[in-house]
C-alpha atoms as a PDB file:
ATOM      1  CA  UNK A   1      86.846 111.666 129.753  1.00  0.00           C
ATOM      2  CA  UNK A   2      87.947 113.148 126.185  1.00  0.00           C
ATOM      3  CA  UNK A   3      87.428 116.695 125.747  1.00  0.00           C
ATOM      4  CA  UNK A   4      85.157 117.253 122.418  1.00  0.00           C
ATOM      5  CA  UNK A   5      86.870 119.702 120.959  1.00  0.00           C
ATOM      6  CA  UNK A   6      90.136 118.312 120.800  1.00  0.00           C
ATOM      7  CA  UNK A   7      88.514 114.295 120.459  1.00  0.00           C
ATOM      8  CA  UNK A   8      90.500 112.445 118.089  1.00  0.00           C
ATOM      9  CA  UNK A   9      87.350 111.262 115.727  1.00  0.00           C
ATOM     10  CA  UNK A  10      87.830 114.534 114.580  1.00  0.00           C
ATOM     11  CA  UNK A  11      91.364 113.485 112.197  1.00  0.00           C
ATOM     12  CA  UNK A  12      88.776 111.568 110.725  1.00  0.00           C
ATOM     13  CA  UNK A  13      85.858 113.642 110.064  1.00  0.00           C
ATOM     14  CA  UNK A  14      87.931 116.107 109.052  1.00  0.00           C
ATOM     15  CA  UNK A  15      89.335 113.762 106.265  1.00  0.00           C
ATOM     16  CA  UNK A  16      86.216 112.863 105.227  1.00  0.00           C
ATOM     17  CA  UNK A  17      84.449 116.616 104.889  1.00  0.00           C
ATOM     18  CA  UNK A  18      87.833 117.412 103.031  1.00  0.00           C
ATOM     19  CA  UNK A  19      87.521 114.308 100.492  1.00  0.00           C
ATOM     20  CA  UNK A  20      83.530 115.375  99.724  1.00  0.00           C
ATOM     21  CA  UNK A  21      84.896 119.024  99.911  1.00  0.00           C
ATOM     22  CA  UNK A  22      88.290 118.581  97.409  1.00  0.00           C
ATOM     23  CA  UNK A  23      88.193 115.077  96.077  1.00  0.00           C
ATOM     24  CA  UNK A  24      88.682 114.053  92.508  1.00  0.00           C
ATOM     25  CA  UNK A  25      85.755 112.374  90.648  1.00  0.00           C
ATOM     26  CA  UNK A  26      87.571 109.189  89.250  1.00  0.00           C
ATOM     27  CA  UNK A  27      85.841 105.692  88.532  1.00  0.00           C
ATOM     28  CA  UNK A  28      86.894 102.145  90.218  1.00  0.00           C
ATOM     29  CA  UNK A  29      86.164  98.278  89.560  1.00  0.00           C
ATOM     30  CA  UNK A  30      83.221  98.019  91.319  1.00  0.00           C
ATOM     31  CA  UNK A  31      81.851 100.110  88.495  1.00  0.00           C
ATOM     32  CA  UNK A  32      80.087 102.936  91.175  1.00  0.00           C
ATOM     33  CA  UNK A  33      82.524 106.046  91.030  1.00  0.00           C
ATOM     34  CA  UNK A  34      84.343 107.960  93.669  1.00  0.00           C
ATOM     35  CA  UNK A  35      85.720 110.946  95.497  1.00  0.00           C
ATOM     36  CA  UNK A  36      89.681 110.458  95.716  1.00  0.00           C
ATOM     37  CA  UNK A  37      92.726 112.402  97.413  1.00  0.00           C
ATOM     38  CA  UNK A  38      95.657 110.889  97.831  1.00  0.00           C
ATOM     39  CA  UNK A  39      97.727 110.069 100.704  1.00  0.00           C
ATOM     40  CA  UNK A  40      96.544 112.490 103.150  1.00  0.00           C
ATOM     41  CA  UNK A  41      97.864 113.230 106.921  1.00  0.00           C
ATOM     42  CA  UNK A  42      98.004 110.021 108.757  1.00  0.00           C
ATOM     43  CA  UNK A  43      95.205 109.289 111.212  1.00  0.00           C
ATOM     44  CA  UNK A  44      96.845 108.734 114.685  1.00  0.00           C
ATOM     45  CA  UNK A  45      94.921 107.039 117.726  1.00  0.00           C
ATOM     46  CA  UNK A  46      95.895 106.921 121.948  1.00  0.00           C
ATOM     47  CA  UNK A  47      95.512 103.537 123.057  1.00  0.00           C
ATOM     48  CA  UNK A  48      95.601 103.879 126.733  1.00  0.00           C
ATOM     49  CA  UNK A  49      94.219 107.667 128.372  1.00  0.00           C
ATOM     50  CA  UNK A  50      94.034 107.711 132.111  1.00  0.00           C
ATOM     51  CA  UNK A  51      95.185 103.705 133.063  1.00  0.00           C
ATOM     52  CA  UNK A  52      92.254 103.103 130.869  1.00  0.00           C
ATOM     53  CA  UNK A  53      93.122 100.782 127.667  1.00  0.00           C
ATOM     54  CA  UNK A  54      90.664 102.319 124.557  1.00  0.00           C
ATOM     55  CA  UNK A  55      89.745 100.741 121.830  1.00  0.00           C
ATOM     56  CA  UNK A  56      89.189 103.956 118.737  1.00  0.00           C
ATOM     57  CA  UNK A  57      85.396 102.797 117.776  1.00  0.00           C
ATOM     58  CA  UNK A  58      84.097 105.439 116.553  1.00  0.00           C
ATOM     59  CA  UNK A  59      81.165 106.978 118.279  1.00  0.00           C
ATOM     60  CA  UNK A  60      79.226 109.497 115.328  1.00  0.00           C
ATOM     61  CA  UNK A  61      78.023 106.003 113.872  1.00  0.00           C
ATOM     62  CA  UNK A  62      77.524 102.707 115.506  1.00  0.00           C
ATOM     63  CA  UNK A  63      80.424 100.384 114.616  1.00  0.00           C
ATOM     64  CA  UNK A  64      79.472  96.769 113.754  1.00  0.00           C
ATOM     65  CA  UNK A  65      82.359  95.605 116.365  1.00  0.00           C
ATOM     66  CA  UNK A  66      81.019  92.003 117.020  1.00  0.00           C
ATOM     67  CA  UNK A  67      82.140  91.488 113.241  1.00  0.00           C
ATOM     68  CA  UNK A  68      85.620  93.405 114.108  1.00  0.00           C
ATOM     69  CA  UNK A  69      86.528  90.551 116.118  1.00  0.00           C
ATOM     70  CA  UNK A  70      85.254  88.238 114.409  1.00  0.00           C
ATOM     71  CA  UNK A  71      86.880  89.507 111.422  1.00  0.00           C
ATOM     72  CA  UNK A  72      90.226  89.464 112.662  1.00  0.00           C
ATOM     73  CA  UNK A  73      90.278  86.304 114.820  1.00  0.00           C
ATOM     74  CA  UNK A  74      89.867  84.237 112.106  1.00  0.00           C
ATOM     75  CA  UNK A  75      92.531  86.962 110.521  1.00  0.00           C
ATOM     76  CA  UNK A  76      94.961  85.282 113.449  1.00  0.00           C
ATOM     77  CA  UNK A  77      93.025  81.588 112.956  1.00  0.00           C
ATOM     78  CA  UNK A  78      95.189  81.551 109.330  1.00  0.00           C
ATOM     79  CA  UNK A  79      91.492  80.495 107.571  1.00  0.00           C
ATOM     80  CA  UNK A  80      91.131  81.940 103.773  1.00  0.00           C
ATOM     81  CA  UNK A  81      86.996  81.140 103.526  1.00  0.00           C
ATOM     82  CA  UNK A  82      83.840  83.319 104.170  1.00  0.00           C
ATOM     83  CA  UNK A  83      81.550  80.507 105.044  1.00  0.00           C
ATOM     84  CA  UNK A  84      82.459  80.196 109.024  1.00  0.00           C
ATOM     85  CA  UNK A  85      82.686  83.631 109.098  1.00  0.00           C
ATOM     86  CA  UNK A  86      79.059  83.823 107.716  1.00  0.00           C
ATOM     87  CA  UNK A  87      77.734  81.064 109.592  1.00  0.00           C
ATOM     88  CA  UNK A  88      78.938  83.182 112.567  1.00  0.00           C
ATOM     89  CA  UNK A  89      76.597  86.187 111.590  1.00  0.00           C
ATOM     90  CA  UNK A  90      79.233  88.052 109.332  1.00  0.00           C
ATOM     91  CA  UNK A  91      78.831  88.909 106.277  1.00  0.00           C
ATOM     92  CA  UNK A  92      80.968  91.583 104.863  1.00  0.00           C
ATOM     93  CA  UNK A  93      82.857  88.343 103.292  1.00  0.00           C
ATOM     94  CA  UNK A  94      79.768  87.268 101.789  1.00  0.00           C
ATOM     95  CA  UNK A  95      80.342  89.126  98.510  1.00  0.00           C
ATOM     96  CA  UNK A  96      83.687  88.570  97.216  1.00  0.00           C
ATOM     97  CA  UNK A  97      83.193  84.440  98.132  1.00  0.00           C
ATOM     98  CA  UNK A  98      79.789  84.024  96.072  1.00  0.00           C
ATOM     99  CA  UNK A  99      79.704  81.706  92.993  1.00  0.00           C
ATOM    100  CA  UNK A 100      78.965  84.793  90.557  1.00  0.00           C
ATOM    101  CA  UNK A 101      82.218  87.001  92.333  1.00  0.00           C
ATOM    102  CA  UNK A 102      84.707  84.443  91.684  1.00  0.00           C
ATOM    103  CA  UNK A 103      84.048  83.423  88.818  1.00  0.00           C
ATOM    104  CA  UNK A 104      84.195  86.994  87.428  1.00  0.00           C
ATOM    105  CA  UNK A 105      88.421  87.197  88.748  1.00  0.00           C
ATOM    106  CA  UNK A 106      88.393  84.022  87.448  1.00  0.00           C
ATOM    107  CA  UNK A 107      88.303  81.684  90.381  1.00  0.00           C
ATOM    108  CA  UNK A 108      85.752  79.421  88.938  1.00  0.00           C
ATOM    109  CA  UNK A 109      87.623  76.549  90.469  1.00  0.00           C
ATOM    110  CA  UNK A 110      87.037  77.222  93.567  1.00  0.00           C
ATOM    111  CA  UNK A 111      84.638  76.296  96.031  1.00  0.00           C
ATOM    112  CA  UNK A 112      82.596  79.561  97.435  1.00  0.00           C
ATOM    113  CA  UNK A 113      83.790  80.814 100.638  1.00  0.00           C
ATOM    114  CA  UNK A 114      86.831  80.271  98.968  1.00  0.00           C
ATOM    115  CA  UNK A 115      89.237  83.611  98.808  1.00  0.00           C
ATOM    116  CA  UNK A 116      92.542  82.054  98.245  1.00  0.00           C
ATOM    117  CA  UNK A 117      95.526  83.572 100.615  1.00  0.00           C
ATOM    118  CA  UNK A 118      94.186  86.520 101.671  1.00  0.00           C
ATOM    119  CA  UNK A 119      94.521  88.434 104.983  1.00  0.00           C
ATOM    120  CA  UNK A 120      94.788  85.745 107.240  1.00  0.00           C
ATOM    121  CA  UNK A 121      97.005  83.400 104.977  1.00  0.00           C
ATOM    122  CA  UNK A 122      99.790  85.621 105.000  1.00  0.00           C
ATOM    123  CA  UNK A 123      99.765  86.690 108.263  1.00  0.00           C
ATOM    124  CA  UNK A 124     100.588  82.929 109.499  1.00  0.00           C
ATOM    125  CA  UNK A 125     101.183  80.654 106.014  1.00  0.00           C
ATOM    126  CA  UNK A 126     103.420  83.540 104.147  1.00  0.00           C
ATOM    127  CA  UNK A 127     105.709  82.066 101.226  1.00  0.00           C
ATOM    128  CA  UNK A 128     103.273  78.794 101.619  1.00  0.00           C
ATOM    129  CA  UNK A 129     102.291  77.000  98.343  1.00  0.00           C
ATOM    130  CA  UNK A 130      97.811  77.775  98.740  1.00  0.00           C
ATOM    131  CA  UNK A 131      95.817  74.779  97.175  1.00  0.00           C
ATOM    132  CA  UNK A 132      92.786  75.279  98.856  1.00  0.00           C
ATOM    133  CA  UNK A 133      90.967  76.730 102.547  1.00  0.00           C
ATOM    134  CA  UNK A 134      90.180  73.206 103.723  1.00  0.00           C
ATOM    135  CA  UNK A 135      94.248  72.066 103.424  1.00  0.00           C
ATOM    136  CA  UNK A 136      96.511  71.562 106.313  1.00  0.00           C
ATOM    137  CA  UNK A 137      99.484  74.398 106.746  1.00  0.00           C
ATOM    138  CA  UNK A 138     100.379  73.289 109.171  1.00  0.00           C
ATOM    139  CA  UNK A 139     104.135  74.759 109.703  1.00  0.00           C
ATOM    140  CA  UNK A 140     104.154  76.239 106.499  1.00  0.00           C
ATOM    141  CA  UNK A 141     105.661  79.122 105.298  1.00  0.00           C
ATOM    142  CA  UNK A 142     106.242  81.437 107.486  1.00  0.00           C
ATOM    143  CA  UNK A 143     104.569  82.893 110.699  1.00  0.00           C
ATOM    144  CA  UNK A 144     104.927  86.811 110.520  1.00  0.00           C
ATOM    145  CA  UNK A 145     102.926  86.448 113.996  1.00  0.00           C
ATOM    146  CA  UNK A 146     104.736  84.624 116.041  1.00  0.00           C
ATOM    147  CA  UNK A 147     107.644  85.851 114.521  1.00  0.00           C
ATOM    148  CA  UNK A 148     106.917  89.155 115.467  1.00  0.00           C
ATOM    149  CA  UNK A 149     105.868  88.051 119.099  1.00  0.00           C
ATOM    150  CA  UNK A 150     108.686  86.410 119.499  1.00  0.00           C
ATOM    151  CA  UNK A 151     110.887  90.174 118.492  1.00  0.00           C
ATOM    152  CA  UNK A 152     108.887  91.990 120.645  1.00  0.00           C
ATOM    153  CA  UNK A 153     110.152  89.360 123.672  1.00  0.00           C
ATOM    154  CA  UNK A 154     113.667  89.126 122.688  1.00  0.00           C
ATOM    155  CA  UNK A 155     114.280  92.664 121.017  1.00  0.00           C
ATOM    156  CA  UNK A 156     112.292  95.318 121.815  1.00  0.00           C
ATOM    157  CA  UNK A 157     114.284  97.660 119.409  1.00  0.00           C
ATOM    158  CA  UNK A 158     114.063  95.559 116.503  1.00  0.00           C
ATOM    159  CA  UNK A 159     113.578  97.945 113.103  1.00  0.00           C
ATOM    160  CA  UNK A 160     112.704  94.980 111.374  1.00  0.00           C
ATOM    161  CA  UNK A 161     109.082  93.829 113.085  1.00  0.00           C
ATOM    162  CA  UNK A 162     106.453  93.868 110.857  1.00  0.00           C
ATOM    163  CA  UNK A 163     103.484  91.889 109.238  1.00  0.00           C
ATOM    164  CA  UNK A 164     102.582  92.704 105.429  1.00  0.00           C
ATOM    165  CA  UNK A 165      99.883  90.788 103.935  1.00  0.00           C
ATOM    166  CA  UNK A 166     101.191  91.805  99.949  1.00  0.00           C
ATOM    167  CA  UNK A 167     102.905  88.658  98.532  1.00  0.00           C
ATOM    168  CA  UNK A 168     103.009  89.594  94.459  1.00  0.00           C
ATOM    169  CA  UNK A 169     103.458  85.669  94.075  1.00  0.00           C
ATOM    170  CA  UNK A 170      99.639  85.617  95.477  1.00  0.00           C
ATOM    171  CA  UNK A 171      97.740  88.490  94.497  1.00  0.00           C
ATOM    172  CA  UNK A 172      96.357  86.839  91.118  1.00  0.00           C
ATOM    173  CA  UNK A 173      94.952  84.100  93.699  1.00  0.00           C
ATOM    174  CA  UNK A 174      93.408  85.477  95.243  1.00  0.00           C
ATOM    175  CA  UNK A 175      89.263  87.123  95.598  1.00  0.00           C
ATOM    176  CA  UNK A 176      90.512  90.368  96.335  1.00  0.00           C
ATOM    177  CA  UNK A 177      94.071  91.904  96.744  1.00  0.00           C
ATOM    178  CA  UNK A 178      94.833  93.280 100.607  1.00  0.00           C
ATOM    179  CA  UNK A 179      93.818  96.639 101.405  1.00  0.00           C
ATOM    180  CA  UNK A 180      95.749  97.185 105.083  1.00  0.00           C
ATOM    181  CA  UNK A 181      98.407  95.235 103.969  1.00  0.00           C
ATOM    182  CA  UNK A 182     101.535  96.349 105.987  1.00  0.00           C
ATOM    183  CA  UNK A 183     101.593  97.341 109.715  1.00  0.00           C
ATOM    184  CA  UNK A 184     104.442  97.912 111.779  1.00  0.00           C
ATOM    185  CA  UNK A 185     105.238  97.737 115.437  1.00  0.00           C
ATOM    186  CA  UNK A 186     107.977  99.839 117.598  1.00  0.00           C
ATOM    187  CA  UNK A 187     108.104  99.360 121.489  1.00  0.00           C
ATOM    188  CA  UNK A 188     108.929 103.051 123.358  1.00  0.00           C
ATOM    189  CA  UNK A 189     110.942 103.514 126.237  1.00  0.00           C
ATOM    190  CA  UNK A 190     110.062 106.942 128.136  1.00  0.00           C
ATOM    191  CA  UNK A 191     110.808 106.326 131.187  1.00  0.00           C
ATOM    192  CA  UNK A 192     114.022 104.606 130.228  1.00  0.00           C
ATOM    193  CA  UNK A 193     115.755 107.624 128.919  1.00  0.00           C
ATOM    194  CA  UNK A 194     119.137 106.571 127.023  1.00  0.00           C
ATOM    195  CA  UNK A 195     119.033 103.305 126.885  1.00  0.00           C
ATOM    196  CA  UNK A 196     121.455 101.814 125.659  1.00  0.00           C
ATOM    197  CA  UNK A 197     120.393  99.581 122.337  1.00  0.00           C
ATOM    198  CA  UNK A 198     119.949  96.560 123.469  1.00  0.00           C
ATOM    199  CA  UNK A 199     119.082  96.869 126.325  1.00  0.00           C
ATOM    200  CA  UNK A 200     115.526  95.348 127.317  1.00  0.00           C
ATOM    201  CA  UNK A 201     114.959  95.952 131.264  1.00  0.00           C
ATOM    202  CA  UNK A 202     111.399  97.778 132.505  1.00  0.00           C
ATOM    203  CA  UNK A 203     110.391  95.625 129.438  1.00  0.00           C
ATOM    204  CA  UNK A 204     106.829  95.407 130.666  1.00  0.00           C
ATOM    205  CA  UNK A 205     106.686  99.258 130.897  1.00  0.00           C
ATOM    206  CA  UNK A 206     107.314  99.330 127.441  1.00  0.00           C
ATOM    207  CA  UNK A 207     104.866 100.907 124.473  1.00  0.00           C
ATOM    208  CA  UNK A 208     103.584  99.204 121.753  1.00  0.00           C
ATOM    209  CA  UNK A 209     102.444 101.268 118.756  1.00  0.00           C
ATOM    210  CA  UNK A 210     101.403 100.231 115.699  1.00  0.00           C
ATOM    211  CA  UNK A 211     101.878 102.052 111.888  1.00  0.00           C
ATOM    212  CA  UNK A 212     100.164 100.503 109.003  1.00  0.00           C
ATOM    213  CA  UNK A 213      99.689 101.991 105.551  1.00  0.00           C
ATOM    214  CA  UNK A 214      96.762 101.054 103.702  1.00  0.00           C
ATOM    215  CA  UNK A 215      96.927 101.035  99.868  1.00  0.00           C
ATOM    216  CA  UNK A 216      92.466 101.755  99.273  1.00  0.00           C
ATOM    217  CA  UNK A 217      90.565 103.138 101.921  1.00  0.00           C
ATOM    218  CA  UNK A 218      87.266 103.262 102.423  1.00  0.00           C
ATOM    219  CA  UNK A 219      86.090 106.488 103.900  1.00  0.00           C
ATOM    220  CA  UNK A 220      82.325 105.391 105.123  1.00  0.00           C
ATOM    221  CA  UNK A 221      82.501 101.810 105.531  1.00  0.00           C
ATOM    222  CA  UNK A 222      86.194 100.177 105.993  1.00  0.00           C
ATOM    223  CA  UNK A 223      88.521 102.664 107.475  1.00  0.00           C
ATOM    224  CA  UNK A 224      86.043 103.090 110.532  1.00  0.00           C
ATOM    225  CA  UNK A 225      86.287  99.187 110.469  1.00  0.00           C
ATOM    226  CA  UNK A 226      89.958  99.113 110.006  1.00  0.00           C
ATOM    227  CA  UNK A 227      90.672 101.891 112.019  1.00  0.00           C
ATOM    228  CA  UNK A 228      88.938  99.628 115.135  1.00  0.00           C
ATOM    229  CA  UNK A 229      90.407  96.294 113.907  1.00  0.00           C
ATOM    230  CA  UNK A 230      94.102  97.047 113.933  1.00  0.00           C
ATOM    231  CA  UNK A 231      93.985  99.215 117.413  1.00  0.00           C
ATOM    232  CA  UNK A 232      92.333  95.857 118.979  1.00  0.00           C
ATOM    233  CA  UNK A 233      95.163  93.684 117.293  1.00  0.00           C
ATOM    234  CA  UNK A 234      97.576  96.066 118.961  1.00  0.00           C
ATOM    235  CA  UNK A 235      96.395  95.235 122.528  1.00  0.00           C
ATOM    236  CA  UNK A 236      95.927  91.526 121.586  1.00  0.00           C
ATOM    237  CA  UNK A 237     100.211  91.701 120.727  1.00  0.00           C
ATOM    238  CA  UNK A 238     101.248  94.145 124.175  1.00  0.00           C
ATOM    239  CA  UNK A 239      98.573  91.778 125.846  1.00  0.00           C
ATOM    240  CA  UNK A 240     100.626  88.674 125.121  1.00  0.00           C
ATOM    241  CA  UNK A 241     104.229  90.731 124.778  1.00  0.00           C
ATOM    242  CA  UNK A 242     103.612  92.623 128.541  1.00  0.00           C
ATOM    243  CA  UNK A 243     103.845  95.582 127.063  1.00  0.00           C
ATOM    244  CA  UNK A 244     101.227  98.438 127.412  1.00  0.00           C
ATOM    245  CA  UNK A 245      99.477  99.608 124.131  1.00  0.00           C
ATOM    246  CA  UNK A 246     100.536 102.715 123.105  1.00  0.00           C
ATOM    247  CA  UNK A 247      99.209 104.117 119.848  1.00  0.00           C
ATOM    248  CA  UNK A 248      97.800 102.972 116.365  1.00  0.00           C
ATOM    249  CA  UNK A 249      98.666 105.845 112.710  1.00  0.00           C
ATOM    250  CA  UNK A 250      96.817 104.883 110.278  1.00  0.00           C
ATOM    251  CA  UNK A 251      98.601 106.207 106.694  1.00  0.00           C
ATOM    252  CA  UNK A 252      96.711 106.431 103.904  1.00  0.00           C
ATOM    253  CA  UNK A 253      97.212 105.969  99.647  1.00  0.00           C
ATOM    254  CA  UNK A 254      94.140 105.534  97.694  1.00  0.00           C
ATOM    255  CA  UNK A 255      91.345 107.728 100.293  1.00  0.00           C
ATOM    256  CA  UNK A 256      87.957 107.733  98.979  1.00  0.00           C
ATOM    257  CA  UNK A 257      84.259 108.582  99.285  1.00  0.00           C
ATOM    258  CA  UNK A 258      82.356 106.165  97.110  1.00  0.00           C
ATOM    259  CA  UNK A 259      79.293 108.648  95.689  1.00  0.00           C
ATOM    260  CA  UNK A 260      76.506 106.137  97.304  1.00  0.00           C
ATOM    261  CA  UNK A 261      77.884 106.877 100.586  1.00  0.00           C
ATOM    262  CA  UNK A 262      77.710 110.774 100.073  1.00  0.00           C
ATOM    263  CA  UNK A 263      74.710 111.164 101.734  1.00  0.00           C
ATOM    264  CA  UNK A 264      74.966 109.149 104.670  1.00  0.00           C
ATOM    265  CA  UNK A 265      78.620 110.415 105.296  1.00  0.00           C
ATOM    266  CA  UNK A 266      77.271 114.114 105.017  1.00  0.00           C
ATOM    267  CA  UNK A 267      74.601 113.242 107.738  1.00  0.00           C
ATOM    268  CA  UNK A 268      77.369 111.748 110.346  1.00  0.00           C
ATOM    269  CA  UNK A 269      79.554 114.735 109.763  1.00  0.00           C
ATOM    270  CA  UNK A 270      76.810 117.004 111.273  1.00  0.00           C
ATOM    271  CA  UNK A 271      76.980 114.487 114.566  1.00  0.00           C
ATOM    272  CA  UNK A 272      79.290 115.510 117.782  1.00  0.00           C
ATOM    273  CA  UNK A 273      82.181 112.838 118.898  1.00  0.00           C
ATOM    274  CA  UNK A 274      81.647 111.140 122.331  1.00  0.00           C
ATOM    275  CA  UNK A 275      83.802 109.553 124.712  1.00  0.00           C
ATOM    276  CA  UNK A 276      85.656 106.123 123.153  1.00  0.00           C
ATOM    277  CA  UNK A 277      85.288 103.508 124.874  1.00  0.00           C
ATOM    278  CA  UNK A 278      87.341 101.112 127.252  1.00  0.00           C
ATOM    279  CA  UNK A 279      88.347  97.225 126.655  1.00  0.00           C
ATOM    280  CA  UNK A 280      88.945  94.827 128.924  1.00  0.00           C
ATOM    281  CA  UNK A 281      90.969  91.693 128.273  1.00  0.00           C
ATOM    282  CA  UNK A 282      89.443  88.738 130.362  1.00  0.00           C
ATOM    283  CA  UNK A 283      91.853  86.450 129.167  1.00  0.00           C
ATOM    284  CA  UNK A 284      95.252  84.768 130.237  1.00  0.00           C
ATOM    285  CA  UNK A 285      96.518  83.268 127.092  1.00  0.00           C
ATOM    286  CA  UNK A 286      99.845  82.985 128.415  1.00  0.00           C
ATOM    287  CA  UNK A 287     102.022  84.486 126.287  1.00  0.00           C
ATOM    288  CA  UNK A 288     100.084  82.894 122.668  1.00  0.00           C
ATOM    289  CA  UNK A 289      98.473  84.595 120.457  1.00  0.00           C
ATOM    290  CA  UNK A 290      95.913  81.868 118.991  1.00  0.00           C
ATOM    291  CA  UNK A 291      93.206  80.639 120.824  1.00  0.00           C
ATOM    292  CA  UNK A 292      91.432  83.942 122.048  1.00  0.00           C
ATOM    293  CA  UNK A 293      87.320  84.125 121.773  1.00  0.00           C
ATOM    294  CA  UNK A 294      85.413  86.708 121.127  1.00  0.00           C
ATOM    295  CA  UNK A 295      83.991  86.517 125.373  1.00  0.00           C
ATOM    296  CA  UNK A 296      87.613  87.807 126.064  1.00  0.00           C
ATOM    297  CA  UNK A 297      87.072  90.951 124.911  1.00  0.00           C
ATOM    298  CA  UNK A 298      84.722  93.271 127.239  1.00  0.00           C
ATOM    299  CA  UNK A 299      84.305  97.020 125.433  1.00  0.00           C
ATOM    300  CA  UNK A 300      82.575  98.672 128.058  1.00  0.00           C
ATOM    301  CA  UNK A 301      80.667 102.534 127.265  1.00  0.00           C
ATOM    302  CA  UNK A 302      80.116 102.415 123.560  1.00  0.00           C
ATOM    303  CA  UNK A 303      77.785 104.591 123.427  1.00  0.00           C
ATOM    304  CA  UNK A 304      77.819 106.383 119.734  1.00  0.00           C
ATOM    305  CA  UNK A 305      75.328 107.811 117.316  1.00  0.00           C
ATOM    306  CA  UNK A 306      72.611 105.387 115.425  1.00  0.00           C
ATOM    307  CA  UNK A 307      74.301 102.814 112.713  1.00  0.00           C
ATOM    308  CA  UNK A 308      74.112 104.636 108.882  1.00  0.00           C
ATOM    309  CA  UNK A 309      73.525 102.255 105.666  1.00  0.00           C
ATOM    310  CA  UNK A 310      76.189 102.374 104.062  1.00  0.00           C
ATOM    311  CA  UNK A 311      76.043  99.667 100.377  1.00  0.00           C
ATOM    312  CA  UNK A 312      79.285  97.357 100.347  1.00  0.00           C
ATOM    313  CA  UNK A 313      80.800  98.385  97.348  1.00  0.00           C
ATOM    314  CA  UNK A 314      82.072  94.660  95.469  1.00  0.00           C
END
């Protein structure tokens, strides 16, 4: 059990407190207004502790982890329509796929729910020409996820194991440009000492680390979700590459609190963190990142404080 005094969740809570105390009042595209600081200290979470896999789901409020899993699998599938998520009870993209919102950003030619070439499209078909959410993109563009898995298996010392959702050519076609936009993966071999650069011995003992950069960080709603999502992605990639999950580091640009989240976050700051839950992956996908289902993940021992209602700014 993680001692309360050193709980990694305090990193998040201290950053929220800093923004509330010292943040600059700034306008934003939603018209809500924020308190903001730029380039705060990164947040770092260990994904394995005492032989158990750890999922850093914040405990000072309940995180909607079913939606975290559903959205991540939706990304991995390369999907770009919010309708399938909505039909599954996950409504987080409904606002950005509504008729009113699409019309407001110049995408009136798109069907409701068609978000354009957002995260999943960039992850699996980077560089392909986007038509609409129902088109078949099989074999088109660069499959970044497949390339990452191949590289981790064949050259885990590679310094180019990169996943990017930021494609300047496609930004105008997206209902919302990516907030979490860039990730780098790194394999460490702590037991190998002075291993030569080309050596891949004891690959199964390697630890997979992820560092993600997020340009726009909604501390109340978005960041707890993003921490869990990229931790889960790192667990999945480690699983299919016969690596052990190591750590997740979140590097932030504009870290902000929406004005209408201030009271809720003050309530959250009064709470004491509890132990992060354990993650169990029950499937064996034969080394594939595709075909996973929500039932393949079991989250054990998640005992958070009560949920805190916060309105999503659209």
